[in-house]
Amino acid sequence: MLAKIKNIAYVIFRVLLGILFIFGGYAHFTKTEFYLNAMPSYLPFHEFIVYSSGIIEILLGLLLMIPKTSQKAAIGIIILLIAIFPANINMYLNHQDFEGMSETALLIRLPIQLVLIAWAYVYTRKRI
């Protein structure tokens, strides 16, 4: 019985993480200015990066929900989260008006990235 509950929770949380990334990716198209403001100035092609990372987030979210592709998608999510971490640091260090987010909220976003990485890591291992 406990194994069945663990399996159900495993699937539910995998789908929830997938949905989180789908909505996050979609936000790149509806709140583009927010993401453009987060971009470190040393990176080129800000709009291209914002839109392409949105597409990647949506694809990884969808692929995470498919059992056959969930392991690779989880690895992709971890790589993506590491890749976008400098943007979150930039948001905190160069605190601007990120849609009313306080400096504290921007700081809290940093360890949340680590939680998301750990959450995705759960799905990188083969399920028995």
C-alpha atoms as a PDB file:
ATOM      1  CA  MET A   1       0.000   0.000   0.000  1.00  0.00           C
ATOM      2  CA  LEU A   2       2.796   2.441   0.926  1.00  0.00           C
ATOM      3  CA  ALA A   3       4.609   1.643  -2.328  1.00  0.00           C
ATOM      4  CA  LYS A   4       1.455   2.482  -4.284  1.00  0.00           C
ATOM      5  CA  ILE A   5       1.078   5.825  -2.475  1.00  0.00           C
ATOM      6  CA  LYS A   6       4.754   6.628  -3.132  1.00  0.00           C
ATOM      7  CA  ASN A   7       4.295   5.802  -6.813  1.00  0.00           C
ATOM      8  CA  ILE A   8       1.199   8.004  -7.077  1.00  0.00           C
ATOM      9  CA  ALA A   9       3.033  10.876  -5.323  1.00  0.00           C
ATOM     10  CA  TYR A  10       6.014  10.375  -7.651  1.00  0.00           C
ATOM     11  CA  VAL A  11       3.795  10.754 -10.721  1.00  0.00           C
ATOM     12  CA  ILE A  12       1.760  13.648  -9.311  1.00  0.00           C
ATOM     13  CA  PHE A  13       4.860  15.648  -8.402  1.00  0.00           C
ATOM     14  CA  ARG A  14       6.473  14.887 -11.771  1.00  0.00           C
ATOM     15  CA  VAL A  15       3.384  16.242 -13.530  1.00  0.00           C
ATOM     16  CA  LEU A  16       3.280  19.280 -11.211  1.00  0.00           C
ATOM     17  CA  LEU A  17       6.907  20.092 -12.011  1.00  0.00           C
ATOM     18  CA  GLY A  18       6.136  19.697 -15.703  1.00  0.00           C
ATOM     19  CA  ILE A  19       3.167  22.058 -15.419  1.00  0.00           C
ATOM     20  CA  LEU A  20       5.295  24.559 -13.497  1.00  0.00           C
ATOM     21  CA  PHE A  21       7.791  24.639 -16.354  1.00  0.00           C
ATOM     22  CA  ILE A  22       5.099  24.868 -19.020  1.00  0.00           C
ATOM     23  CA  PHE A  23       3.573  27.907 -17.298  1.00  0.00           C
ATOM     24  CA  GLY A  24       7.025  29.367 -16.638  1.00  0.00           C
ATOM     25  CA  GLY A  25       7.914  29.003 -20.307  1.00  0.00           C
ATOM     26  CA  TYR A  26       4.602  30.520 -21.364  1.00  0.00           C
ATOM     27  CA  ALA A  27       5.341  33.529 -19.143  1.00  0.00           C
ATOM     28  CA  HIS A  28       8.374  34.293 -21.317  1.00  0.00           C
ATOM     29  CA  PHE A  29       5.879  35.260 -24.028  1.00  0.00           C
ATOM     30  CA  THR A  30       3.338  37.063 -21.849  1.00  0.00           C
ATOM     31  CA  LYS A  31       5.736  38.856 -19.470  1.00  0.00           C
ATOM     32  CA  THR A  32       8.667  39.287 -21.832  1.00  0.00           C
ATOM     33  CA  GLU A  33       9.731  42.619 -20.342  1.00  0.00           C
ATOM     34  CA  PHE A  34      10.239  40.990 -16.926  1.00  0.00           C
ATOM     35  CA  TYR A  35      12.616  38.427 -18.414  1.00  0.00           C
ATOM     36  CA  LEU A  36      14.399  41.020 -20.549  1.00  0.00           C
ATOM     37  CA  ASN A  37      15.056  43.093 -17.418  1.00  0.00           C
ATOM     38  CA  ALA A  38      16.526  40.037 -15.717  1.00  0.00           C
ATOM     39  CA  MET A  39      19.085  39.428 -18.457  1.00  0.00           C
ATOM     40  CA  PRO A  40      22.690  40.164 -17.486  1.00  0.00           C
ATOM     41  CA  SER A  41      24.032  42.970 -19.676  1.00  0.00           C
ATOM     42  CA  TYR A  42      27.056  40.923 -20.766  1.00  0.00           C
ATOM     43  CA  LEU A  43      24.851  38.479 -22.669  1.00  0.00           C
ATOM     44  CA  PRO A  44      23.953  39.260 -26.288  1.00  0.00           C
ATOM     45  CA  PHE A  45      20.627  38.700 -28.062  1.00  0.00           C
ATOM     46  CA  HIS A  46      18.390  39.201 -25.034  1.00  0.00           C
ATOM     47  CA  GLU A  47      15.081  38.712 -26.859  1.00  0.00           C
ATOM     48  CA  PHE A  48      16.316  35.566 -28.585  1.00  0.00           C
ATOM     49  CA  ILE A  49      17.466  34.111 -25.251  1.00  0.00           C
ATOM     50  CA  VAL A  50      14.194  34.978 -23.496  1.00  0.00           C
ATOM     51  CA  TYR A  51      11.995  33.472 -26.209  1.00  0.00           C
ATOM     52  CA  SER A  52      14.151  30.409 -26.827  1.00  0.00           C
ATOM     53  CA  SER A  53      14.442  29.653 -23.105  1.00  0.00           C
ATOM     54  CA  GLY A  54      10.644  29.934 -22.894  1.00  0.00           C
ATOM     55  CA  ILE A  55      10.258  27.383 -25.687  1.00  0.00           C
ATOM     56  CA  ILE A  56      12.801  25.124 -24.010  1.00  0.00           C
ATOM     57  CA  GLU A  57      10.967  25.365 -20.670  1.00  0.00           C
ATOM     58  CA  ILE A  58       7.666  24.432 -22.312  1.00  0.00           C
ATOM     59  CA  LEU A  59       9.210  21.485 -24.162  1.00  0.00           C
ATOM     60  CA  LEU A  60      11.027  20.203 -21.079  1.00  0.00           C
ATOM     61  CA  GLY A  61       7.841  20.514 -19.027  1.00  0.00           C
ATOM     62  CA  LEU A  62       5.910  18.478 -21.585  1.00  0.00           C
ATOM     63  CA  LEU A  63       8.669  15.889 -21.924  1.00  0.00           C
ATOM     64  CA  LEU A  64       8.919  15.526 -18.146  1.00  0.00           C
ATOM     65  CA  MET A  65       5.292  14.403 -18.006  1.00  0.00           C
ATOM     66  CA  ILE A  66       5.933  11.571 -20.485  1.00  0.00           C
ATOM     67  CA  PRO A  67       7.435   8.602 -18.615  1.00  0.00           C
ATOM     68  CA  LYS A  68       9.583   7.550 -21.586  1.00  0.00           C
ATOM     69  CA  THR A  69      11.270  10.976 -21.818  1.00  0.00           C
ATOM     70  CA  SER A  70      11.088  12.143 -18.210  1.00  0.00           C
ATOM     71  CA  GLN A  71      14.677  11.211 -17.277  1.00  0.00           C
ATOM     72  CA  LYS A  72      16.235  13.188 -20.115  1.00  0.00           C
ATOM     73  CA  ALA A  73      13.818  16.064 -19.550  1.00  0.00           C
ATOM     74  CA  ALA A  74      14.778  16.186 -15.857  1.00  0.00           C
ATOM     75  CA  ILE A  75      18.459  16.405 -16.821  1.00  0.00           C
ATOM     76  CA  GLY A  76      17.560  19.181 -19.263  1.00  0.00           C
ATOM     77  CA  ILE A  77      15.665  21.038 -16.544  1.00  0.00           C
ATOM     78  CA  ILE A  78      18.669  20.852 -14.227  1.00  0.00           C
ATOM     79  CA  ILE A  79      20.952  22.183 -16.969  1.00  0.00           C
ATOM     80  CA  LEU A  80      18.469  24.964 -17.746  1.00  0.00           C
ATOM     81  CA  LEU A  81      18.153  25.957 -14.084  1.00  0.00           C
ATOM     82  CA  ILE A  82      21.925  26.156 -13.769  1.00  0.00           C
ATOM     83  CA  ALA A  83      22.136  28.164 -17.001  1.00  0.00           C
ATOM     84  CA  ILE A  84      19.548  30.734 -15.881  1.00  0.00           C
ATOM     85  CA  PHE A  85      20.924  31.081 -12.364  1.00  0.00           C
ATOM     86  CA  PRO A  86      23.092  34.088 -13.364  1.00  0.00           C
ATOM     87  CA  ALA A  87      19.928  35.924 -14.442  1.00  0.00           C
ATOM     88  CA  ASN A  88      18.425  35.380 -10.994  1.00  0.00           C
ATOM     89  CA  ILE A  89      21.615  36.590  -9.339  1.00  0.00           C
ATOM     90  CA  ASN A  90      21.559  39.596 -11.678  1.00  0.00           C
ATOM     91  CA  MET A  91      17.980  40.353 -10.663  1.00  0.00           C
ATOM     92  CA  TYR A  92      18.947  40.376  -7.008  1.00  0.00           C
ATOM     93  CA  LEU A  93      22.222  42.301  -7.355  1.00  0.00           C
ATOM     94  CA  ASN A  94      20.808  44.914  -9.710  1.00  0.00           C
ATOM     95  CA  HIS A  95      17.471  45.195  -7.981  1.00  0.00           C
ATOM     96  CA  GLN A  96      15.133  47.076 -10.221  1.00  0.00           C
ATOM     97  CA  ASP A  97      11.394  47.093 -10.253  1.00  0.00           C
ATOM     98  CA  PHE A  98      10.756  43.491 -11.208  1.00  0.00           C
ATOM     99  CA  GLU A  99       6.969  43.785 -11.233  1.00  0.00           C
ATOM    100  CA  GLY A 100       6.840  44.851  -7.612  1.00  0.00           C
ATOM    101  CA  MET A 101       9.086  42.062  -6.313  1.00  0.00           C
ATOM    102  CA  SER A 102      10.920  43.150  -3.193  1.00  0.00           C
ATOM    103  CA  GLU A 103      14.629  42.675  -2.714  1.00  0.00           C
ATOM    104  CA  THR A 104      13.778  39.926  -0.200  1.00  0.00           C
ATOM    105  CA  ALA A 105      11.604  38.122  -2.760  1.00  0.00           C
ATOM    106  CA  LEU A 106      14.417  38.305  -5.292  1.00  0.00           C
ATOM    107  CA  LEU A 107      16.811  36.864  -2.711  1.00  0.00           C
ATOM    108  CA  ILE A 108      14.411  34.021  -1.859  1.00  0.00           C
ATOM    109  CA  ARG A 109      14.292  33.082  -5.557  1.00  0.00           C
ATOM    110  CA  LEU A 110      17.944  31.985  -5.376  1.00  0.00           C
ATOM    111  CA  PRO A 111      17.560  29.024  -2.998  1.00  0.00           C
ATOM    112  CA  ILE A 112      14.270  28.134  -4.688  1.00  0.00           C
ATOM    113  CA  GLN A 113      16.375  27.344  -7.780  1.00  0.00           C
ATOM    114  CA  LEU A 114      18.229  24.774  -5.665  1.00  0.00           C
ATOM    115  CA  VAL A 115      14.937  23.241  -4.541  1.00  0.00           C
ATOM    116  CA  LEU A 116      13.810  22.996  -8.176  1.00  0.00           C
ATOM    117  CA  ILE A 117      17.123  21.357  -9.117  1.00  0.00           C
ATOM    118  CA  ALA A 118      16.697  18.815  -6.307  1.00  0.00           C
ATOM    119  CA  TRP A 119      13.071  18.216  -7.358  1.00  0.00           C
ATOM    120  CA  ALA A 120      14.118  17.587 -10.964  1.00  0.00           C
ATOM    121  CA  TYR A 121      16.994  15.375  -9.811  1.00  0.00           C
ATOM    122  CA  VAL A 122      14.462  12.913  -8.360  1.00  0.00           C
ATOM    123  CA  TYR A 123      13.327  12.201 -11.927  1.00  0.00           C
ATOM    124  CA  THR A 124      16.821  11.630 -13.354  1.00  0.00           C
ATOM    125  CA  ARG A 125      17.011   8.178 -11.828  1.00  0.00           C
ATOM    126  CA  LYS A 126      15.381   5.092 -13.282  1.00  0.00           C
ATOM    127  CA  ARG A 127      12.190   4.076 -11.550  1.00  0.00           C
ATOM    128  CA  ILE A 128      12.091   0.415 -10.493  1.00  0.00           C
END
